[in-house]
Amino acid sequence: MITTRPKPETRTTVPLLTVEEVACRLNTSTKTVRRRIADGDLPVHRIGRALRISETDLQIFLAARRR
């Protein structure tokens, strides 16, 4: 009798950006990005000591500030 394994869940991966990459995209300094993170305006993922911002969170942040 052959047993089959269940298929692993398919996960969609969202790119995680560094503070430097976000600053470059926003055409601003890393200090400004870190300030937005500290203020709670920009959600962040902490991986060890590294800070990463998801592409989705960055798009939400930008959409909320669009005039």
PDB file of N, CA and C in Angstrom:
ATOM      1  N   MET A   1       0.832  -1.169   0.000  1.00  0.00           N
ATOM      2  CA  MET A   1       0.000   0.000   0.000  1.00  0.00           C
ATOM      3  C   MET A   1       0.887   1.246   0.000  1.00  0.00           C
ATOM      4  N   ILE A   2       0.580   2.158  -0.878  1.00  0.00           N
ATOM      5  CA  ILE A   2       1.354   3.390  -0.987  1.00  0.00           C
ATOM      6  C   ILE A   2       0.642   4.497  -0.210  1.00  0.00           C
ATOM      7  N   THR A   3       1.378   5.101   0.685  1.00  0.00           N
ATOM      8  CA  THR A   3       0.800   6.232   1.412  1.00  0.00           C
ATOM      9  C   THR A   3       1.347   7.526   0.805  1.00  0.00           C
ATOM     10  N   THR A   4       0.492   8.481   0.692  1.00  0.00           N
ATOM     11  CA  THR A   4       0.924   9.766   0.128  1.00  0.00           C
ATOM     12  C   THR A   4       0.929  10.822   1.213  1.00  0.00           C
ATOM     13  N   ARG A   5       1.877  11.668   1.109  1.00  0.00           N
ATOM     14  CA  ARG A   5       1.967  12.774   2.048  1.00  0.00           C
ATOM     15  C   ARG A   5       1.009  13.878   1.630  1.00  0.00           C
ATOM     16  N   PRO A   6       0.462  14.586   2.590  1.00  0.00           N
ATOM     17  CA  PRO A   6      -0.343  15.742   2.215  1.00  0.00           C
ATOM     18  C   PRO A   6       0.562  16.825   1.627  1.00  0.00           C
ATOM     19  N   LYS A   7       0.035  17.560   0.679  1.00  0.00           N
ATOM     20  CA  LYS A   7       0.825  18.614   0.060  1.00  0.00           C
ATOM     21  C   LYS A   7       1.097  19.722   1.067  1.00  0.00           C
ATOM     22  N   PRO A   8       2.316  20.247   1.080  1.00  0.00           N
ATOM     23  CA  PRO A   8       2.594  21.351   1.998  1.00  0.00           C
ATOM     24  C   PRO A   8       1.781  22.580   1.590  1.00  0.00           C
ATOM     25  N   GLU A   9       1.452  23.367   2.588  1.00  0.00           N
ATOM     26  CA  GLU A   9       0.700  24.585   2.309  1.00  0.00           C
ATOM     27  C   GLU A   9       1.517  25.492   1.407  1.00  0.00           C
ATOM     28  N   THR A  10       0.840  26.092   0.477  1.00  0.00           N
ATOM     29  CA  THR A  10       1.534  27.067  -0.351  1.00  0.00           C
ATOM     30  C   THR A  10       1.446  28.402   0.344  1.00  0.00           C
ATOM     31  N   ARG A  11       2.556  29.007   0.536  1.00  0.00           N
ATOM     32  CA  ARG A  11       2.616  30.292   1.219  1.00  0.00           C
ATOM     33  C   ARG A  11       3.044  31.354   0.230  1.00  0.00           C
ATOM     34  N   THR A  12       2.416  32.474   0.332  1.00  0.00           N
ATOM     35  CA  THR A  12       2.868  33.583  -0.492  1.00  0.00           C
ATOM     36  C   THR A  12       3.881  34.351   0.334  1.00  0.00           C
ATOM     37  N   THR A  13       4.972  34.649  -0.262  1.00  0.00           N
ATOM     38  CA  THR A  13       6.009  35.372   0.455  1.00  0.00           C
ATOM     39  C   THR A  13       5.953  36.844   0.086  1.00  0.00           C
ATOM     40  N   VAL A  14       6.033  37.662   1.081  1.00  0.00           N
ATOM     41  CA  VAL A  14       6.057  39.105   0.896  1.00  0.00           C
ATOM     42  C   VAL A  14       7.491  39.558   1.120  1.00  0.00           C
ATOM     43  N   PRO A  15       8.040  40.307   0.180  1.00  0.00           N
ATOM     44  CA  PRO A  15       9.423  40.749   0.355  1.00  0.00           C
ATOM     45  C   PRO A  15       9.596  41.601   1.607  1.00  0.00           C
ATOM     46  N   LEU A  16      10.678  41.358   2.318  1.00  0.00           N
ATOM     47  CA  LEU A  16      11.024  42.167   3.475  1.00  0.00           C
ATOM     48  C   LEU A  16      12.173  43.086   3.087  1.00  0.00           C
ATOM     49  N   LEU A  17      11.997  44.357   3.374  1.00  0.00           N
ATOM     50  CA  LEU A  17      12.972  45.372   2.983  1.00  0.00           C
ATOM     51  C   LEU A  17      13.756  45.844   4.197  1.00  0.00           C
ATOM     52  N   THR A  18      15.000  46.231   3.967  1.00  0.00           N
ATOM     53  CA  THR A  18      15.801  46.813   5.032  1.00  0.00           C
ATOM     54  C   THR A  18      15.427  48.280   5.197  1.00  0.00           C
ATOM     55  N   VAL A  19      15.867  48.870   6.295  1.00  0.00           N
ATOM     56  CA  VAL A  19      15.630  50.295   6.530  1.00  0.00           C
ATOM     57  C   VAL A  19      16.267  51.111   5.411  1.00  0.00           C
ATOM     58  N   GLU A  20      17.434  50.705   4.967  1.00  0.00           N
ATOM     59  CA  GLU A  20      18.133  51.417   3.900  1.00  0.00           C
ATOM     60  C   GLU A  20      17.355  51.358   2.587  1.00  0.00           C
ATOM     61  N   GLU A  21      16.781  50.193   2.278  1.00  0.00           N
ATOM     62  CA  GLU A  21      16.000  50.053   1.043  1.00  0.00           C
ATOM     63  C   GLU A  21      14.742  50.919   1.084  1.00  0.00           C
ATOM     64  N   VAL A  22      14.089  50.974   2.236  1.00  0.00           N
ATOM     65  CA  VAL A  22      12.898  51.810   2.377  1.00  0.00           C
ATOM     66  C   VAL A  22      13.272  53.277   2.236  1.00  0.00           C
ATOM     67  N   ALA A  23      14.361  53.685   2.855  1.00  0.00           N
ATOM     68  CA  ALA A  23      14.809  55.072   2.748  1.00  0.00           C
ATOM     69  C   ALA A  23      15.095  55.442   1.300  1.00  0.00           C
ATOM     70  N   CYS A  24      15.687  54.538   0.563  1.00  0.00           N
ATOM     71  CA  CYS A  24      15.985  54.780  -0.850  1.00  0.00           C
ATOM     72  C   CYS A  24      14.691  54.920  -1.649  1.00  0.00           C
ATOM     73  N   ARG A  25      13.730  54.049  -1.394  1.00  0.00           N
ATOM     74  CA  ARG A  25      12.452  54.122  -2.112  1.00  0.00           C
ATOM     75  C   ARG A  25      11.690  55.401  -1.803  1.00  0.00           C
ATOM     76  N   LEU A  26      11.797  55.870  -0.562  1.00  0.00           N
ATOM     77  CA  LEU A  26      11.087  57.079  -0.159  1.00  0.00           C
ATOM     78  C   LEU A  26      11.891  58.351  -0.416  1.00  0.00           C
ATOM     79  N   ASN A  27      13.103  58.159  -0.885  1.00  0.00           N
ATOM     80  CA  ASN A  27      13.995  59.287  -1.155  1.00  0.00           C
ATOM     81  C   ASN A  27      14.186  60.141   0.096  1.00  0.00           C
ATOM     82  N   THR A  28      14.494  59.465   1.190  1.00  0.00           N
ATOM     83  CA  THR A  28      14.691  60.129   2.472  1.00  0.00           C
ATOM     84  C   THR A  28      15.848  59.447   3.203  1.00  0.00           C
ATOM     85  N   SER A  29      16.127  59.892   4.394  1.00  0.00           N
ATOM     86  CA  SER A  29      17.248  59.322   5.144  1.00  0.00           C
ATOM     87  C   SER A  29      16.793  58.127   5.973  1.00  0.00           C
ATOM     88  N   THR A  30      17.759  57.319   6.373  1.00  0.00           N
ATOM     89  CA  THR A  30      17.448  56.178   7.230  1.00  0.00           C
ATOM     90  C   THR A  30      16.964  56.666   8.595  1.00  0.00           C
ATOM     91  N   LYS A  31      17.442  57.825   9.020  1.00  0.00           N
ATOM     92  CA  LYS A  31      17.019  58.394  10.302  1.00  0.00           C
ATOM     93  C   LYS A  31      15.515  58.685  10.290  1.00  0.00           C
ATOM     94  N   THR A  32      15.014  59.190   9.173  1.00  0.00           N
ATOM     95  CA  THR A  32      13.581  59.474   9.050  1.00  0.00           C
ATOM     96  C   THR A  32      12.773  58.183   9.104  1.00  0.00           C
ATOM     97  N   VAL A  33      13.246  57.150   8.430  1.00  0.00           N
ATOM     98  CA  VAL A  33      12.550  55.852   8.445  1.00  0.00           C
ATOM     99  C   VAL A  33      12.537  55.298   9.863  1.00  0.00           C
ATOM    100  N   ARG A  34      13.669  55.364  10.547  1.00  0.00           N
ATOM    101  CA  ARG A  34      13.735  54.869  11.927  1.00  0.00           C
ATOM    102  C   ARG A  34      12.823  55.671  12.850  1.00  0.00           C
ATOM    103  N   ARG A  35      12.677  56.954  12.593  1.00  0.00           N
ATOM    104  CA  ARG A  35      11.783  57.796  13.377  1.00  0.00           C
ATOM    105  C   ARG A  35      10.322  57.356  13.181  1.00  0.00           C
ATOM    106  N   ARG A  36       9.942  57.058  11.934  1.00  0.00           N
ATOM    107  CA  ARG A  36       8.585  56.571  11.646  1.00  0.00           C
ATOM    108  C   ARG A  36       8.327  55.237  12.332  1.00  0.00           C
ATOM    109  N   ILE A  37       9.346  54.389  12.396  1.00  0.00           N
ATOM    110  CA  ILE A  37       9.222  53.105  13.081  1.00  0.00           C
ATOM    111  C   ILE A  37       9.038  53.337  14.580  1.00  0.00           C
ATOM    112  N   ALA A  38       9.846  54.207  15.163  1.00  0.00           N
ATOM    113  CA  ALA A  38       9.779  54.498  16.597  1.00  0.00           C
ATOM    114  C   ALA A  38       8.434  55.118  16.977  1.00  0.00           C
ATOM    115  N   ASP A  39       7.876  55.943  16.082  1.00  0.00           N
ATOM    116  CA  ASP A  39       6.578  56.574  16.336  1.00  0.00           C
ATOM    117  C   ASP A  39       5.419  55.603  16.184  1.00  0.00           C
ATOM    118  N   GLY A  40       5.683  54.435  15.606  1.00  0.00           N
ATOM    119  CA  GLY A  40       4.636  53.443  15.398  1.00  0.00           C
ATOM    120  C   GLY A  40       3.877  53.628  14.093  1.00  0.00           C
ATOM    121  N   ASP A  41       4.342  54.559  13.257  1.00  0.00           N
ATOM    122  CA  ASP A  41       3.680  54.811  11.976  1.00  0.00           C
ATOM    123  C   ASP A  41       3.972  53.730  10.948  1.00  0.00           C
ATOM    124  N   LEU A  42       5.131  53.131  11.047  1.00  0.00           N
ATOM    125  CA  LEU A  42       5.563  52.128  10.079  1.00  0.00           C
ATOM    126  C   LEU A  42       5.847  50.822  10.819  1.00  0.00           C
ATOM    127  N   PRO A  43       5.007  49.799  10.615  1.00  0.00           N
ATOM    128  CA  PRO A  43       5.222  48.518  11.300  1.00  0.00           C
ATOM    129  C   PRO A  43       6.534  47.866  10.850  1.00  0.00           C
ATOM    130  N   VAL A  44       7.131  47.145  11.760  1.00  0.00           N
ATOM    131  CA  VAL A  44       8.423  46.537  11.480  1.00  0.00           C
ATOM    132  C   VAL A  44       8.457  45.109  12.015  1.00  0.00           C
ATOM    133  N   HIS A  45       9.236  44.264  11.361  1.00  0.00           N
ATOM    134  CA  HIS A  45       9.488  42.901  11.826  1.00  0.00           C
ATOM    135  C   HIS A  45      10.908  42.884  12.363  1.00  0.00           C
ATOM    136  N   ARG A  46      11.071  42.357  13.555  1.00  0.00           N
ATOM    137  CA  ARG A  46      12.416  42.249  14.136  1.00  0.00           C
ATOM    138  C   ARG A  46      12.891  40.812  13.981  1.00  0.00           C
ATOM    139  N   ILE A  47      13.983  40.665  13.269  1.00  0.00           N
ATOM    140  CA  ILE A  47      14.590  39.349  13.081  1.00  0.00           C
ATOM    141  C   ILE A  47      15.961  39.441  13.734  1.00  0.00           C
ATOM    142  N   GLY A  48      16.024  38.925  14.951  1.00  0.00           N
ATOM    143  CA  GLY A  48      17.228  39.141  15.739  1.00  0.00           C
ATOM    144  C   GLY A  48      17.305  40.628  16.063  1.00  0.00           C
ATOM    145  N   ARG A  49      18.400  41.234  15.696  1.00  0.00           N
ATOM    146  CA  ARG A  49      18.544  42.676  15.896  1.00  0.00           C
ATOM    147  C   ARG A  49      18.211  43.462  14.633  1.00  0.00           C
ATOM    148  N   ALA A  50      17.967  42.749  13.562  1.00  0.00           N
ATOM    149  CA  ALA A  50      17.696  43.402  12.277  1.00  0.00           C
ATOM    150  C   ALA A  50      16.237  43.847  12.187  1.00  0.00           C
ATOM    151  N   LEU A  51      16.023  44.977  11.562  1.00  0.00           N
ATOM    152  CA  LEU A  51      14.684  45.494  11.319  1.00  0.00           C
ATOM    153  C   LEU A  51      14.337  45.274   9.858  1.00  0.00           C
ATOM    154  N   ARG A  52      13.146  44.761   9.609  1.00  0.00           N
ATOM    155  CA  ARG A  52      12.685  44.550   8.235  1.00  0.00           C
ATOM    156  C   ARG A  52      11.265  45.077   8.115  1.00  0.00           C
ATOM    157  N   ILE A  53      10.979  45.716   6.998  1.00  0.00           N
ATOM    158  CA  ILE A  53       9.659  46.263   6.708  1.00  0.00           C
ATOM    159  C   ILE A  53       9.101  45.477   5.534  1.00  0.00           C
ATOM    160  N   SER A  54       7.869  44.990   5.675  1.00  0.00           N
ATOM    161  CA  SER A  54       7.281  44.231   4.576  1.00  0.00           C
ATOM    162  C   SER A  54       6.815  45.187   3.487  1.00  0.00           C
ATOM    163  N   GLU A  55       6.840  44.692   2.275  1.00  0.00           N
ATOM    164  CA  GLU A  55       6.399  45.478   1.121  1.00  0.00           C
ATOM    165  C   GLU A  55       4.940  45.913   1.315  1.00  0.00           C
ATOM    166  N   THR A  56       4.121  45.032   1.864  1.00  0.00           N
ATOM    167  CA  THR A  56       2.718  45.327   2.100  1.00  0.00           C
ATOM    168  C   THR A  56       2.556  46.469   3.100  1.00  0.00           C
ATOM    169  N   ASP A  57       3.299  46.418   4.198  1.00  0.00           N
ATOM    170  CA  ASP A  57       3.221  47.479   5.208  1.00  0.00           C
ATOM    171  C   ASP A  57       3.691  48.816   4.648  1.00  0.00           C
ATOM    172  N   LEU A  58       4.694  48.788   3.799  1.00  0.00           N
ATOM    173  CA  LEU A  58       5.173  50.022   3.181  1.00  0.00           C
ATOM    174  C   LEU A  58       4.101  50.607   2.270  1.00  0.00           C
ATOM    175  N   GLN A  59       3.423  49.764   1.485  1.00  0.00           N
ATOM    176  CA  GLN A  59       2.364  50.248   0.600  1.00  0.00           C
ATOM    177  C   GLN A  59       1.191  50.831   1.392  1.00  0.00           C
ATOM    178  N   ILE A  60       0.835  50.209   2.510  1.00  0.00           N
ATOM    179  CA  ILE A  60      -0.237  50.722   3.373  1.00  0.00           C
ATOM    180  C   ILE A  60       0.174  52.064   3.974  1.00  0.00           C
ATOM    181  N   PHE A  61       1.422  52.153   4.420  1.00  0.00           N
ATOM    182  CA  PHE A  61       1.950  53.398   4.976  1.00  0.00           C
ATOM    183  C   PHE A  61       1.860  54.525   3.951  1.00  0.00           C
ATOM    184  N   LEU A  62       2.246  54.241   2.722  1.00  0.00           N
ATOM    185  CA  LEU A  62       2.212  55.260   1.667  1.00  0.00           C
ATOM    186  C   LEU A  62       0.783  55.632   1.293  1.00  0.00           C
ATOM    187  N   ALA A  63      -0.098  54.652   1.224  1.00  0.00           N
ATOM    188  CA  ALA A  63      -1.496  54.930   0.854  1.00  0.00           C
ATOM    189  C   ALA A  63      -2.186  55.800   1.906  1.00  0.00           C
ATOM    190  N   ALA A  64      -1.836  55.605   3.170  1.00  0.00           N
ATOM    191  CA  ALA A  64      -2.448  56.388   4.247  1.00  0.00           C
ATOM    192  C   ALA A  64      -2.002  57.840   4.213  1.00  0.00           C
ATOM    193  N   ARG A  65      -0.868  58.111   3.589  1.00  0.00           N
ATOM    194  CA  ARG A  65      -0.323  59.478   3.551  1.00  0.00           C
ATOM    195  C   ARG A  65      -0.476  60.139   2.200  1.00  0.00           C
ATOM    196  N   ARG A  66      -1.165  59.475   1.297  1.00  0.00           N
ATOM    197  CA  ARG A  66      -1.376  60.017  -0.046  1.00  0.00           C
ATOM    198  C   ARG A  66      -2.389  61.158   0.026  1.00  0.00           C
ATOM    199  N   ARG A  67      -2.106  62.236  -0.666  1.00  0.00           N
ATOM    200  CA  ARG A  67      -3.014  63.387  -0.645  1.00  0.00           C
ATOM    201  C   ARG A  67      -3.732  63.518  -1.936  1.00  0.00           C
TER     202      ARG A  67
END
